[in-house]
Amino acid sequence: MPTENKPVEPTPSLATGHPLNAATWADFVQRLKHDCVGAGVRDHCTAAAIFTVQARRIDTGYDLDFNPDQACIVDHDGGDMCFSPGEFYENAYECQQASLNASAQEQGECDFTELSESDQWEILADLDDYTVTGWQERWEIINSHFTRDAAEAFIRRKKHDYGRMRVYVESQYYAWEFEAVKAAILDGTLTYKGTDN
């Protein structure tokens, strides 16, 4: 008799938005111990860890004279970006590729992909609906979590809103309130006293 494949329910956890109760508190304390005084410490080298979720942001508009190795082409609608001429060419429509190849034939008697990268950037800079510009990457803090599991759960839940994200571990050694609360949880001074139904 075939068995029905039911989706496995995730273990209730504060990291995934389940309500606070004795079980989710115990799970939280166990994960906090792992990340801040247990085996997880060796992964980030600080017991005073806070797990920040950061989203990658690209700032454009930098002068290429100051950023010669970091160029991108941006459409004038402010949407798509390509970080190399090859990437732009691969994503271009056939008619755009034909136009790029025609420009390359005029300039160097070869196809666009056979030109040097600097010559490719020069052709792309002449396109009407695009801008070749310098860019820089930065990481913007979205929020912070007591445990790595909670930070990773947030990324799984919200990556469609923020794009590329990462967990970055920072030391909260001098964040005395944060560290005092965490120490109280870890030594059992601060416990769950609710009445579960």
N, C-alpha and C. Protein backbone atom coordinates (compact mmCIF):
# COMPACT_ATOMS: atom_id res chain seq x y z
N MET A 1 0.83 -1.17 0.00
CA MET A 1 0.00 0.00 0.00
C MET A 1 0.89 1.25 0.00
N PRO A 2 0.71 2.15 -1.00
CA PRO A 2 1.58 3.32 -1.07
C PRO A 2 1.34 4.27 0.10
N THR A 3 2.43 4.87 0.54
CA THR A 3 2.30 5.85 1.61
C THR A 3 2.25 7.24 0.99
N GLU A 4 1.51 8.09 1.63
CA GLU A 4 1.35 9.45 1.15
C GLU A 4 2.54 10.31 1.59
N ASN A 5 3.14 11.01 0.63
CA ASN A 5 4.27 11.89 0.94
C ASN A 5 3.76 13.24 1.42
N LYS A 6 3.79 13.43 2.72
CA LYS A 6 3.35 14.70 3.29
C LYS A 6 4.58 15.58 3.49
N PRO A 7 4.41 16.88 3.27
CA PRO A 7 5.56 17.76 3.53
C PRO A 7 5.92 17.72 5.01
N VAL A 8 7.22 17.73 5.28
CA VAL A 8 7.69 17.69 6.65
C VAL A 8 7.51 19.08 7.26
N GLU A 9 6.82 19.13 8.36
CA GLU A 9 6.61 20.40 9.07
C GLU A 9 7.93 20.81 9.73
N PRO A 10 8.33 22.07 9.59
CA PRO A 10 9.56 22.50 10.26
C PRO A 10 9.38 22.46 11.77
N THR A 11 10.47 22.20 12.46
CA THR A 11 10.43 22.23 13.91
C THR A 11 10.08 23.65 14.35
N PRO A 12 9.10 23.80 15.22
CA PRO A 12 8.74 25.15 15.67
C PRO A 12 9.95 25.87 16.25
N SER A 13 10.16 27.09 15.79
CA SER A 13 11.32 27.86 16.22
C SER A 13 11.01 29.34 16.16
N LEU A 14 11.55 30.09 17.10
CA LEU A 14 11.43 31.54 17.04
C LEU A 14 12.11 32.08 15.78
N ALA A 15 13.14 31.38 15.31
CA ALA A 15 13.88 31.80 14.12
C ALA A 15 13.00 31.81 12.88
N THR A 16 11.97 30.98 12.87
CA THR A 16 11.09 30.91 11.70
C THR A 16 9.71 31.48 11.99
N GLY A 17 9.59 32.27 13.07
CA GLY A 17 8.37 33.01 13.32
C GLY A 17 7.31 32.29 14.13
N HIS A 18 7.66 31.18 14.75
CA HIS A 18 6.69 30.50 15.60
C HIS A 18 6.53 31.25 16.91
N PRO A 19 5.39 31.09 17.58
CA PRO A 19 5.15 31.84 18.83
C PRO A 19 6.10 31.40 19.95
N LEU A 20 6.31 32.30 20.89
CA LEU A 20 7.12 32.01 22.05
C LEU A 20 6.35 31.08 22.98
N ASN A 21 6.94 29.95 23.26
CA ASN A 21 6.40 29.01 24.24
C ASN A 21 7.58 28.24 24.82
N ALA A 22 7.32 27.31 25.69
CA ALA A 22 8.42 26.59 26.36
C ALA A 22 9.33 25.89 25.35
N ALA A 23 8.75 25.28 24.32
CA ALA A 23 9.55 24.54 23.33
C ALA A 23 10.39 25.47 22.46
N THR A 24 9.78 26.56 21.99
CA THR A 24 10.55 27.47 21.13
C THR A 24 11.61 28.22 21.94
N TRP A 25 11.33 28.49 23.23
CA TRP A 25 12.33 29.11 24.08
C TRP A 25 13.52 28.16 24.28
N ALA A 26 13.23 26.90 24.57
CA ALA A 26 14.31 25.92 24.78
C ALA A 26 15.15 25.77 23.52
N ASP A 27 14.50 25.75 22.35
CA ASP A 27 15.23 25.67 21.08
C ASP A 27 16.12 26.90 20.90
N PHE A 28 15.57 28.09 21.19
CA PHE A 28 16.33 29.33 21.08
C PHE A 28 17.56 29.31 21.98
N VAL A 29 17.40 28.92 23.22
CA VAL A 29 18.52 28.89 24.17
C VAL A 29 19.58 27.91 23.69
N GLN A 30 19.17 26.77 23.18
CA GLN A 30 20.12 25.78 22.67
C GLN A 30 20.92 26.35 21.49
N ARG A 31 20.24 27.04 20.55
CA ARG A 31 20.93 27.63 19.40
C ARG A 31 21.84 28.77 19.84
N LEU A 32 21.38 29.57 20.82
CA LEU A 32 22.19 30.67 21.34
C LEU A 32 23.48 30.14 21.98
N LYS A 33 23.36 29.07 22.76
CA LYS A 33 24.54 28.44 23.38
C LYS A 33 25.51 27.96 22.30
N HIS A 34 24.99 27.31 21.28
CA HIS A 34 25.84 26.82 20.19
C HIS A 34 26.61 27.96 19.54
N ASP A 35 25.91 29.06 19.25
CA ASP A 35 26.53 30.16 18.50
C ASP A 35 27.43 31.05 19.35
N CYS A 36 27.18 31.13 20.67
CA CYS A 36 27.89 32.12 21.48
C CYS A 36 28.82 31.54 22.54
N VAL A 37 28.65 30.28 22.93
CA VAL A 37 29.60 29.67 23.87
C VAL A 37 29.95 28.24 23.46
N GLY A 38 29.35 27.73 22.41
CA GLY A 38 29.59 26.36 21.99
C GLY A 38 30.42 26.26 20.71
N ALA A 39 30.20 25.18 20.01
CA ALA A 39 31.00 24.86 18.81
C ALA A 39 30.88 25.91 17.71
N GLY A 40 29.78 26.65 17.67
CA GLY A 40 29.60 27.65 16.63
C GLY A 40 30.56 28.83 16.72
N VAL A 41 31.12 29.05 17.90
CA VAL A 41 32.02 30.19 18.09
C VAL A 41 33.22 30.10 17.16
N ARG A 42 33.73 28.90 16.93
CA ARG A 42 34.92 28.78 16.09
C ARG A 42 34.64 29.20 14.64
N ASP A 43 33.36 29.21 14.23
CA ASP A 43 33.02 29.62 12.87
C ASP A 43 33.10 31.13 12.68
N HIS A 44 32.99 31.90 13.76
CA HIS A 44 33.01 33.35 13.62
C HIS A 44 33.94 34.04 14.62
N CYS A 45 34.61 33.29 15.47
CA CYS A 45 35.70 33.79 16.32
C CYS A 45 35.31 34.84 17.34
N THR A 46 34.05 34.91 17.75
CA THR A 46 33.68 35.78 18.86
C THR A 46 32.48 35.20 19.61
N ALA A 47 32.58 35.22 20.94
CA ALA A 47 31.44 34.78 21.75
C ALA A 47 30.40 35.89 21.86
N ALA A 48 30.82 37.13 21.54
CA ALA A 48 29.92 38.28 21.63
C ALA A 48 29.30 38.55 20.26
N ALA A 49 28.84 37.51 19.63
CA ALA A 49 28.36 37.61 18.24
C ALA A 49 26.95 38.16 18.14
N ILE A 50 26.75 38.96 17.12
CA ILE A 50 25.41 39.30 16.66
C ILE A 50 25.45 39.04 15.16
N PHE A 51 24.38 38.47 14.65
CA PHE A 51 24.33 38.03 13.26
C PHE A 51 23.51 39.03 12.45
N THR A 52 24.20 39.83 11.66
CA THR A 52 23.51 40.84 10.87
C THR A 52 23.24 40.28 9.47
N VAL A 53 22.07 40.59 8.97
CA VAL A 53 21.74 40.28 7.58
C VAL A 53 22.03 41.53 6.78
N GLN A 54 22.83 41.35 5.74
CA GLN A 54 23.19 42.47 4.88
C GLN A 54 22.74 42.18 3.45
N ALA A 55 22.31 43.24 2.76
CA ALA A 55 21.92 43.13 1.35
C ALA A 55 22.96 43.86 0.51
N ARG A 56 23.29 43.25 -0.61
CA ARG A 56 24.26 43.85 -1.52
C ARG A 56 23.60 45.01 -2.27
N ARG A 57 24.30 46.12 -2.29
CA ARG A 57 23.85 47.29 -3.01
C ARG A 57 24.95 47.71 -3.97
N ILE A 58 24.54 48.14 -5.15
CA ILE A 58 25.47 48.64 -6.16
C ILE A 58 25.19 50.12 -6.36
N ASP A 59 26.19 50.94 -6.12
CA ASP A 59 26.08 52.38 -6.37
C ASP A 59 26.78 52.67 -7.68
N THR A 60 26.11 53.40 -8.57
CA THR A 60 26.67 53.73 -9.87
C THR A 60 26.88 55.24 -9.97
N GLY A 61 27.47 55.66 -11.07
CA GLY A 61 27.68 57.07 -11.32
C GLY A 61 29.09 57.54 -11.00
N TYR A 62 29.98 56.62 -10.69
CA TYR A 62 31.35 56.99 -10.39
C TYR A 62 32.12 57.27 -11.68
N ASP A 63 32.99 58.26 -11.62
CA ASP A 63 33.82 58.62 -12.77
C ASP A 63 34.78 57.48 -13.07
N LEU A 64 34.83 57.07 -14.33
CA LEU A 64 35.70 55.97 -14.71
C LEU A 64 37.18 56.31 -14.57
N ASP A 65 37.53 57.59 -14.53
CA ASP A 65 38.93 57.96 -14.31
C ASP A 65 39.38 57.55 -12.91
N PHE A 66 38.45 57.48 -11.97
CA PHE A 66 38.79 57.09 -10.60
C PHE A 66 38.47 55.62 -10.33
N ASN A 67 37.77 54.99 -11.22
CA ASN A 67 37.32 53.60 -11.07
C ASN A 67 37.55 52.83 -12.37
N PRO A 68 38.75 52.82 -12.93
CA PRO A 68 38.92 52.28 -14.28
C PRO A 68 38.65 50.78 -14.40
N ASP A 69 38.79 50.04 -13.32
CA ASP A 69 38.60 48.59 -13.40
C ASP A 69 37.19 48.16 -13.07
N GLN A 70 36.34 49.10 -12.69
CA GLN A 70 34.99 48.75 -12.31
C GLN A 70 34.01 49.56 -13.13
N ALA A 71 33.63 48.99 -14.27
CA ALA A 71 32.66 49.65 -15.13
C ALA A 71 31.44 48.76 -15.29
N CYS A 72 30.32 49.40 -15.52
CA CYS A 72 29.10 48.66 -15.82
C CYS A 72 28.30 49.48 -16.81
N ILE A 73 27.38 48.82 -17.44
CA ILE A 73 26.49 49.53 -18.35
C ILE A 73 25.09 49.43 -17.76
N VAL A 74 24.43 50.57 -17.68
CA VAL A 74 23.12 50.66 -17.04
C VAL A 74 22.13 51.18 -18.06
N ASP A 75 20.96 50.53 -18.13
CA ASP A 75 19.94 51.07 -19.04
C ASP A 75 19.36 52.34 -18.43
N HIS A 76 18.85 53.21 -19.26
CA HIS A 76 18.38 54.53 -18.80
C HIS A 76 17.12 54.44 -17.94
N ASP A 77 16.47 53.28 -17.94
CA ASP A 77 15.31 53.10 -17.06
C ASP A 77 15.74 52.79 -15.63
N GLY A 78 17.05 52.62 -15.43
CA GLY A 78 17.57 52.34 -14.09
C GLY A 78 17.39 50.91 -13.66
N GLY A 79 17.11 50.02 -14.58
CA GLY A 79 16.86 48.62 -14.22
C GLY A 79 18.10 47.75 -14.33
N ASP A 80 18.30 47.18 -15.50
CA ASP A 80 19.34 46.17 -15.67
C ASP A 80 20.74 46.78 -15.69
N MET A 81 21.68 46.00 -15.15
CA MET A 81 23.10 46.36 -15.15
C MET A 81 23.89 45.18 -15.65
N CYS A 82 24.92 45.44 -16.41
CA CYS A 82 25.87 44.41 -16.82
C CYS A 82 27.25 44.87 -16.40
N PHE A 83 28.06 43.95 -15.91
CA PHE A 83 29.35 44.31 -15.34
C PHE A 83 30.52 43.97 -16.24
N SER A 84 30.23 43.52 -17.46
CA SER A 84 31.28 43.30 -18.45
C SER A 84 30.65 43.40 -19.83
N PRO A 85 31.45 43.75 -20.84
CA PRO A 85 30.92 43.78 -22.19
C PRO A 85 30.41 42.40 -22.64
N GLY A 86 31.10 41.35 -22.20
CA GLY A 86 30.66 40.00 -22.55
C GLY A 86 29.29 39.68 -22.00
N GLU A 87 29.03 40.08 -20.76
CA GLU A 87 27.72 39.86 -20.15
C GLU A 87 26.64 40.62 -20.91
N PHE A 88 26.95 41.87 -21.28
CA PHE A 88 25.98 42.66 -22.03
C PHE A 88 25.68 41.99 -23.38
N TYR A 89 26.72 41.54 -24.05
CA TYR A 89 26.56 40.92 -25.38
C TYR A 89 25.72 39.64 -25.28
N GLU A 90 26.01 38.82 -24.28
CA GLU A 90 25.26 37.56 -24.10
C GLU A 90 23.78 37.80 -23.86
N ASN A 91 23.45 38.88 -23.15
CA ASN A 91 22.06 39.19 -22.81
C ASN A 91 21.35 40.04 -23.86
N ALA A 92 22.09 40.48 -24.86
CA ALA A 92 21.51 41.37 -25.87
C ALA A 92 20.63 40.59 -26.85
N TYR A 93 19.64 41.29 -27.43
CA TYR A 93 18.83 40.70 -28.49
C TYR A 93 19.71 40.52 -29.72
N GLU A 94 19.26 39.65 -30.63
CA GLU A 94 20.03 39.40 -31.86
C GLU A 94 20.29 40.68 -32.63
N CYS A 95 19.29 41.55 -32.70
CA CYS A 95 19.47 42.80 -33.45
C CYS A 95 20.52 43.69 -32.78
N GLN A 96 20.56 43.68 -31.42
CA GLN A 96 21.58 44.45 -30.71
C GLN A 96 22.96 43.86 -30.96
N GLN A 97 23.04 42.53 -30.94
CA GLN A 97 24.32 41.87 -31.22
C GLN A 97 24.81 42.21 -32.62
N ALA A 98 23.89 42.20 -33.58
CA ALA A 98 24.26 42.53 -34.96
C ALA A 98 24.77 43.97 -35.04
N SER A 99 24.13 44.88 -34.34
CA SER A 99 24.56 46.28 -34.33
C SER A 99 25.94 46.42 -33.68
N LEU A 100 26.16 45.70 -32.58
CA LEU A 100 27.47 45.74 -31.93
C LEU A 100 28.55 45.17 -32.83
N ASN A 101 28.22 44.09 -33.53
CA ASN A 101 29.18 43.49 -34.46
C ASN A 101 29.49 44.44 -35.62
N ALA A 102 28.47 45.16 -36.11
CA ALA A 102 28.69 46.13 -37.19
C ALA A 102 29.62 47.24 -36.72
N SER A 103 29.41 47.73 -35.51
CA SER A 103 30.30 48.78 -34.96
C SER A 103 31.72 48.25 -34.80
N ALA A 104 31.84 47.01 -34.36
CA ALA A 104 33.16 46.40 -34.20
C ALA A 104 33.86 46.23 -35.54
N GLN A 105 33.09 45.86 -36.56
CA GLN A 105 33.67 45.71 -37.90
C GLN A 105 34.24 47.04 -38.39
N GLU A 106 33.50 48.12 -38.12
CA GLU A 106 33.98 49.45 -38.51
C GLU A 106 35.26 49.81 -37.76
N GLN A 107 35.27 49.50 -36.48
CA GLN A 107 36.38 49.91 -35.63
C GLN A 107 37.59 49.01 -35.77
N GLY A 108 37.37 47.70 -35.78
CA GLY A 108 38.51 46.79 -35.75
C GLY A 108 38.47 45.65 -36.74
N GLU A 109 37.51 45.68 -37.66
CA GLU A 109 37.37 44.62 -38.67
C GLU A 109 37.26 43.23 -38.05
N CYS A 110 36.50 43.15 -36.98
CA CYS A 110 36.23 41.87 -36.35
C CYS A 110 34.90 41.97 -35.63
N ASP A 111 34.42 40.83 -35.11
CA ASP A 111 33.18 40.86 -34.34
C ASP A 111 33.42 41.49 -32.97
N PHE A 112 32.34 41.90 -32.34
CA PHE A 112 32.39 42.58 -31.04
C PHE A 112 33.16 41.76 -30.01
N THR A 113 32.91 40.47 -29.96
CA THR A 113 33.54 39.62 -28.94
C THR A 113 35.04 39.44 -29.15
N GLU A 114 35.53 39.80 -30.33
CA GLU A 114 36.97 39.66 -30.62
C GLU A 114 37.76 40.93 -30.32
N LEU A 115 37.06 42.01 -30.04
CA LEU A 115 37.74 43.27 -29.69
C LEU A 115 38.33 43.19 -28.29
N SER A 116 39.27 44.07 -28.00
CA SER A 116 39.78 44.19 -26.63
C SER A 116 38.64 44.72 -25.75
N GLU A 117 38.72 44.45 -24.46
CA GLU A 117 37.66 44.90 -23.56
C GLU A 117 37.53 46.42 -23.56
N SER A 118 38.64 47.14 -23.62
CA SER A 118 38.55 48.60 -23.63
C SER A 118 37.84 49.10 -24.88
N ASP A 119 38.06 48.45 -26.03
CA ASP A 119 37.35 48.83 -27.25
C ASP A 119 35.86 48.48 -27.16
N GLN A 120 35.56 47.35 -26.50
CA GLN A 120 34.16 46.97 -26.30
C GLN A 120 33.45 48.02 -25.45
N TRP A 121 34.09 48.45 -24.35
CA TRP A 121 33.48 49.49 -23.50
C TRP A 121 33.25 50.77 -24.29
N GLU A 122 34.19 51.10 -25.17
CA GLU A 122 34.06 52.31 -25.98
C GLU A 122 32.82 52.24 -26.88
N ILE A 123 32.59 51.09 -27.49
CA ILE A 123 31.40 50.92 -28.34
C ILE A 123 30.13 51.00 -27.49
N LEU A 124 30.15 50.36 -26.33
CA LEU A 124 28.97 50.37 -25.46
C LEU A 124 28.67 51.79 -24.97
N ALA A 125 29.71 52.60 -24.76
CA ALA A 125 29.50 53.97 -24.28
C ALA A 125 28.78 54.82 -25.32
N ASP A 126 28.83 54.41 -26.58
CA ASP A 126 28.16 55.17 -27.65
C ASP A 126 26.70 54.78 -27.85
N LEU A 127 26.22 53.77 -27.14
CA LEU A 127 24.82 53.35 -27.30
C LEU A 127 23.89 54.42 -26.72
N ASP A 128 22.76 54.62 -27.38
CA ASP A 128 21.84 55.69 -26.98
C ASP A 128 21.11 55.43 -25.66
N ASP A 129 20.68 54.22 -25.42
CA ASP A 129 19.82 53.95 -24.26
C ASP A 129 20.56 53.43 -23.04
N TYR A 130 21.88 53.52 -23.06
CA TYR A 130 22.68 52.96 -21.97
C TYR A 130 23.78 53.93 -21.55
N THR A 131 24.26 53.75 -20.34
CA THR A 131 25.36 54.55 -19.81
C THR A 131 26.43 53.63 -19.27
N VAL A 132 27.67 53.88 -19.66
CA VAL A 132 28.80 53.17 -19.08
C VAL A 132 29.30 54.04 -17.93
N THR A 133 29.40 53.44 -16.77
CA THR A 133 29.74 54.21 -15.56
C THR A 133 30.55 53.36 -14.60
N GLY A 134 31.19 54.01 -13.65
CA GLY A 134 31.87 53.29 -12.58
C GLY A 134 30.87 52.87 -11.52
N TRP A 135 31.22 51.86 -10.76
CA TRP A 135 30.32 51.37 -9.72
C TRP A 135 31.14 50.90 -8.52
N GLN A 136 30.47 50.83 -7.40
CA GLN A 136 31.05 50.25 -6.19
C GLN A 136 30.00 49.43 -5.47
N GLU A 137 30.49 48.40 -4.83
CA GLU A 137 29.61 47.52 -4.05
C GLU A 137 29.66 47.96 -2.59
N ARG A 138 28.52 47.90 -1.94
CA ARG A 138 28.46 48.10 -0.49
C ARG A 138 27.44 47.12 0.07
N TRP A 139 27.55 46.84 1.36
CA TRP A 139 26.63 45.93 2.03
C TRP A 139 25.84 46.72 3.05
N GLU A 140 24.53 46.73 2.89
CA GLU A 140 23.63 47.48 3.76
C GLU A 140 23.02 46.55 4.80
N ILE A 141 23.09 46.95 6.08
CA ILE A 141 22.50 46.13 7.14
C ILE A 141 20.98 46.23 7.06
N ILE A 142 20.34 45.07 7.01
CA ILE A 142 18.88 45.00 6.96
C ILE A 142 18.33 44.79 8.37
N ASN A 143 18.88 43.83 9.10
CA ASN A 143 18.48 43.62 10.50
C ASN A 143 19.49 42.74 11.19
N SER A 144 19.28 42.49 12.48
CA SER A 144 20.22 41.71 13.28
C SER A 144 19.48 40.65 14.08
N HIS A 145 20.21 39.57 14.40
CA HIS A 145 19.60 38.42 15.08
C HIS A 145 20.55 37.88 16.15
N PHE A 146 19.97 37.26 17.17
CA PHE A 146 20.75 36.61 18.21
C PHE A 146 21.50 35.39 17.68
N THR A 147 20.91 34.66 16.71
CA THR A 147 21.50 33.40 16.25
C THR A 147 21.65 33.39 14.73
N ARG A 148 22.60 32.56 14.27
CA ARG A 148 22.82 32.40 12.83
C ARG A 148 21.58 31.79 12.17
N ASP A 149 20.94 30.83 12.81
CA ASP A 149 19.74 30.20 12.23
C ASP A 149 18.66 31.23 11.94
N ALA A 150 18.47 32.19 12.83
CA ALA A 150 17.44 33.21 12.63
C ALA A 150 17.81 34.11 11.45
N ALA A 151 19.09 34.46 11.34
CA ALA A 151 19.54 35.30 10.23
C ALA A 151 19.35 34.56 8.90
N GLU A 152 19.71 33.29 8.87
CA GLU A 152 19.56 32.50 7.64
C GLU A 152 18.09 32.29 7.29
N ALA A 153 17.25 32.12 8.30
CA ALA A 153 15.81 31.97 8.05
C ALA A 153 15.24 33.24 7.44
N PHE A 154 15.71 34.39 7.92
CA PHE A 154 15.25 35.66 7.35
C PHE A 154 15.64 35.75 5.88
N ILE A 155 16.86 35.36 5.55
CA ILE A 155 17.31 35.40 4.15
C ILE A 155 16.44 34.50 3.29
N ARG A 156 16.16 33.30 3.75
CA ARG A 156 15.31 32.39 2.96
C ARG A 156 13.93 33.00 2.73
N ARG A 157 13.41 33.67 3.73
CA ARG A 157 12.07 34.22 3.65
C ARG A 157 12.00 35.49 2.81
N LYS A 158 13.06 36.29 2.79
CA LYS A 158 12.98 37.63 2.19
C LYS A 158 13.92 37.87 1.01
N LYS A 159 14.58 36.82 0.50
CA LYS A 159 15.56 37.06 -0.57
C LYS A 159 14.91 37.63 -1.83
N HIS A 160 13.64 37.35 -2.05
CA HIS A 160 12.95 37.91 -3.22
C HIS A 160 12.77 39.43 -3.09
N ASP A 161 12.78 39.96 -1.87
CA ASP A 161 12.63 41.40 -1.66
C ASP A 161 13.96 42.15 -1.73
N TYR A 162 15.04 41.48 -1.35
CA TYR A 162 16.32 42.17 -1.20
C TYR A 162 17.38 41.74 -2.18
N GLY A 163 17.18 40.67 -2.92
CA GLY A 163 18.23 40.20 -3.82
C GLY A 163 19.31 39.46 -3.05
N ARG A 164 20.55 39.70 -3.44
CA ARG A 164 21.68 38.99 -2.83
C ARG A 164 21.89 39.48 -1.40
N MET A 165 21.92 38.52 -0.47
CA MET A 165 22.12 38.85 0.94
C MET A 165 23.15 37.91 1.54
N ARG A 166 23.65 38.30 2.69
CA ARG A 166 24.61 37.47 3.41
C ARG A 166 24.42 37.66 4.90
N VAL A 167 24.95 36.70 5.68
CA VAL A 167 25.01 36.83 7.13
C VAL A 167 26.43 37.29 7.47
N TYR A 168 26.50 38.37 8.17
CA TYR A 168 27.79 38.92 8.60
C TYR A 168 27.80 38.92 10.12
N VAL A 169 28.86 38.39 10.71
CA VAL A 169 28.94 38.31 12.16
C VAL A 169 29.76 39.48 12.69
N GLU A 170 29.18 40.22 13.61
CA GLU A 170 29.87 41.34 14.23
C GLU A 170 30.01 41.07 15.73
N SER A 171 31.03 41.63 16.33
CA SER A 171 31.21 41.52 17.77
C SER A 171 30.41 42.59 18.47
N GLN A 172 29.67 42.17 19.49
CA GLN A 172 28.90 43.09 20.32
C GLN A 172 29.52 43.20 21.71
N TYR A 173 30.83 43.03 21.78
CA TYR A 173 31.53 42.99 23.06
C TYR A 173 31.23 44.21 23.93
N TYR A 174 31.19 45.38 23.30
CA TYR A 174 30.93 46.61 24.08
C TYR A 174 29.46 47.02 24.06
N ALA A 175 28.59 46.19 23.53
CA ALA A 175 27.15 46.45 23.61
C ALA A 175 26.67 45.81 24.92
N TRP A 176 26.90 46.50 26.01
CA TRP A 176 26.74 45.90 27.33
C TRP A 176 25.33 45.45 27.62
N GLU A 177 24.32 46.19 27.19
CA GLU A 177 22.94 45.75 27.43
C GLU A 177 22.67 44.44 26.70
N PHE A 178 23.05 44.39 25.44
CA PHE A 178 22.85 43.18 24.63
C PHE A 178 23.57 41.99 25.27
N GLU A 179 24.82 42.20 25.64
CA GLU A 179 25.60 41.11 26.22
C GLU A 179 25.06 40.69 27.59
N ALA A 180 24.54 41.64 28.38
CA ALA A 180 23.98 41.30 29.70
C ALA A 180 22.72 40.45 29.54
N VAL A 181 21.87 40.83 28.59
CA VAL A 181 20.65 40.04 28.34
C VAL A 181 21.03 38.64 27.86
N LYS A 182 21.97 38.58 26.95
CA LYS A 182 22.39 37.27 26.41
C LYS A 182 22.99 36.40 27.52
N ALA A 183 23.84 36.98 28.38
CA ALA A 183 24.43 36.23 29.48
C ALA A 183 23.36 35.73 30.44
N ALA A 184 22.34 36.55 30.69
CA ALA A 184 21.26 36.14 31.58
C ALA A 184 20.46 34.98 30.99
N ILE A 185 20.29 34.97 29.70
CA ILE A 185 19.61 33.84 29.04
C ILE A 185 20.48 32.59 29.16
N LEU A 186 21.77 32.74 28.88
CA LEU A 186 22.66 31.58 28.86
C LEU A 186 22.88 30.98 30.24
N ASP A 187 22.89 31.81 31.29
CA ASP A 187 23.12 31.23 32.63
C ASP A 187 21.83 30.87 33.35
N GLY A 188 20.68 31.06 32.70
CA GLY A 188 19.41 30.66 33.28
C GLY A 188 18.76 31.70 34.16
N THR A 189 19.37 32.88 34.31
CA THR A 189 18.76 33.95 35.09
C THR A 189 17.48 34.42 34.43
N LEU A 190 17.52 34.56 33.13
CA LEU A 190 16.36 34.98 32.34
C LEU A 190 15.78 33.73 31.70
N THR A 191 14.57 33.35 32.11
CA THR A 191 13.95 32.11 31.63
C THR A 191 12.54 32.38 31.13
N TYR A 192 11.97 31.37 30.51
CA TYR A 192 10.59 31.45 30.05
C TYR A 192 9.66 31.05 31.20
N LYS A 193 8.72 31.90 31.54
CA LYS A 193 7.79 31.63 32.65
C LYS A 193 6.34 31.58 32.20
N GLY A 194 6.09 31.52 30.90
CA GLY A 194 4.73 31.53 30.39
C GLY A 194 3.96 30.28 30.78
N THR A 195 2.65 30.34 30.56
CA THR A 195 1.81 29.17 30.80
C THR A 195 1.33 28.67 29.45
N ASP A 196 1.90 27.58 29.01
CA ASP A 196 1.51 27.01 27.72
C ASP A 196 0.22 26.21 27.85
N ASN A 197 -0.61 26.32 26.84
CA ASN A 197 -1.86 25.55 26.83
C ASN A 197 -1.63 24.21 26.19
